């Protein structure tokens, strides 16, 4: 069986989803009270989120795909 190659459409859709997620996170953060915003901006919370997100993405890439 031949594997399906990623095309320009797939890349553009994925990039669009990433932009929407980031903009959504910015809006949600802006709507938080000042105390909660301080937690987001003045603690290593964003670093932890980035590390966990990167780890999840690498795990998804590295795991074997089921046959078929």
C-alpha atoms as a PDB file:
ATOM      1  CA  UNK A   1       0.000   0.000   0.000  1.00  0.00           C
ATOM      2  CA  UNK A   2       1.191   3.494  -0.715  1.00  0.00           C
ATOM      3  CA  UNK A   3       1.204   6.063   2.065  1.00  0.00           C
ATOM      4  CA  UNK A   4      -0.571   9.330   1.477  1.00  0.00           C
ATOM      5  CA  UNK A   5       1.818  12.262   1.095  1.00  0.00           C
ATOM      6  CA  UNK A   6       1.121  15.525   2.852  1.00  0.00           C
ATOM      7  CA  UNK A   7       0.129  18.278   0.493  1.00  0.00           C
ATOM      8  CA  UNK A   8      -0.019  22.042   0.647  1.00  0.00           C
ATOM      9  CA  UNK A   9      -3.638  21.897   1.813  1.00  0.00           C
ATOM     10  CA  UNK A  10      -2.700  19.767   4.840  1.00  0.00           C
ATOM     11  CA  UNK A  11       0.079  22.154   5.810  1.00  0.00           C
ATOM     12  CA  UNK A  12      -2.124  25.244   5.449  1.00  0.00           C
ATOM     13  CA  UNK A  13      -4.945  23.678   7.482  1.00  0.00           C
ATOM     14  CA  UNK A  14      -2.533  22.666  10.249  1.00  0.00           C
ATOM     15  CA  UNK A  15      -0.968  26.136  10.318  1.00  0.00           C
ATOM     16  CA  UNK A  16      -4.432  27.704  10.470  1.00  0.00           C
ATOM     17  CA  UNK A  17      -5.409  25.506  13.396  1.00  0.00           C
ATOM     18  CA  UNK A  18      -2.218  26.512  15.222  1.00  0.00           C
ATOM     19  CA  UNK A  19      -2.973  30.206  14.675  1.00  0.00           C
ATOM     20  CA  UNK A  20      -6.540  29.804  15.938  1.00  0.00           C
ATOM     21  CA  UNK A  21      -5.349  27.942  19.060  1.00  0.00           C
ATOM     22  CA  UNK A  22      -2.769  30.616  19.879  1.00  0.00           C
ATOM     23  CA  UNK A  23      -5.241  33.455  19.319  1.00  0.00           C
ATOM     24  CA  UNK A  24      -7.793  31.634  21.464  1.00  0.00           C
ATOM     25  CA  UNK A  25      -5.262  31.258  24.261  1.00  0.00           C
ATOM     26  CA  UNK A  26      -4.440  34.970  24.036  1.00  0.00           C
ATOM     27  CA  UNK A  27      -8.126  35.913  24.269  1.00  0.00           C
ATOM     28  CA  UNK A  28      -8.727  33.586  27.216  1.00  0.00           C
ATOM     29  CA  UNK A  29      -5.665  34.972  29.002  1.00  0.00           C
ATOM     30  CA  UNK A  30      -6.841  38.549  28.384  1.00  0.00           C
ATOM     31  CA  UNK A  31     -10.225  37.714  29.934  1.00  0.00           C
ATOM     32  CA  UNK A  32      -8.665  36.345  33.129  1.00  0.00           C
ATOM     33  CA  UNK A  33      -8.562  38.483  36.263  1.00  0.00           C
ATOM     34  CA  UNK A  34      -5.273  40.311  36.941  1.00  0.00           C
ATOM     35  CA  UNK A  35      -4.231  37.762  39.586  1.00  0.00           C
ATOM     36  CA  UNK A  36      -4.646  34.851  37.191  1.00  0.00           C
ATOM     37  CA  UNK A  37      -2.809  36.754  34.455  1.00  0.00           C
ATOM     38  CA  UNK A  38       0.073  37.258  36.874  1.00  0.00           C
ATOM     39  CA  UNK A  39       0.258  33.484  37.373  1.00  0.00           C
ATOM     40  CA  UNK A  40       0.409  32.961  33.612  1.00  0.00           C
ATOM     41  CA  UNK A  41       3.001  35.664  32.917  1.00  0.00           C
ATOM     42  CA  UNK A  42       5.193  35.595  36.031  1.00  0.00           C
ATOM     43  CA  UNK A  43       5.601  31.863  36.631  1.00  0.00           C
ATOM     44  CA  UNK A  44       7.141  29.112  34.498  1.00  0.00           C
ATOM     45  CA  UNK A  45       3.633  27.916  33.540  1.00  0.00           C
ATOM     46  CA  UNK A  46       4.133  28.722  29.853  1.00  0.00           C
ATOM     47  CA  UNK A  47       7.430  26.831  29.816  1.00  0.00           C
ATOM     48  CA  UNK A  48       5.732  23.787  31.352  1.00  0.00           C
ATOM     49  CA  UNK A  49       2.945  23.942  28.753  1.00  0.00           C
ATOM     50  CA  UNK A  50       5.494  24.162  25.938  1.00  0.00           C
ATOM     51  CA  UNK A  51       7.510  21.240  27.307  1.00  0.00           C
ATOM     52  CA  UNK A  52       4.399  19.066  27.719  1.00  0.00           C
ATOM     53  CA  UNK A  53       3.066  20.007  24.282  1.00  0.00           C
ATOM     54  CA  UNK A  54       6.394  19.292  22.613  1.00  0.00           C
ATOM     55  CA  UNK A  55       6.703  15.981  24.457  1.00  0.00           C
ATOM     56  CA  UNK A  56       3.211  14.970  23.352  1.00  0.00           C
ATOM     57  CA  UNK A  57       3.930  15.912  19.728  1.00  0.00           C
ATOM     58  CA  UNK A  58       7.210  13.963  19.716  1.00  0.00           C
ATOM     59  CA  UNK A  59       5.506  10.962  21.336  1.00  0.00           C
ATOM     60  CA  UNK A  60       2.828  10.987  18.612  1.00  0.00           C
ATOM     61  CA  UNK A  61       5.477  11.184  15.896  1.00  0.00           C
ATOM     62  CA  UNK A  62       7.689   8.466  17.387  1.00  0.00           C
ATOM     63  CA  UNK A  63       5.082   5.825  18.203  1.00  0.00           C
ATOM     64  CA  UNK A  64       4.615   3.065  15.647  1.00  0.00           C
ATOM     65  CA  UNK A  65       1.615   3.310  13.376  1.00  0.00           C
ATOM     66  CA  UNK A  66      -0.877   0.456  13.308  1.00  0.00           C
ATOM     67  CA  UNK A  67      -0.734  -1.680  10.170  1.00  0.00           C
ATOM     68  CA  UNK A  68      -3.296  -0.905   7.506  1.00  0.00           C
END
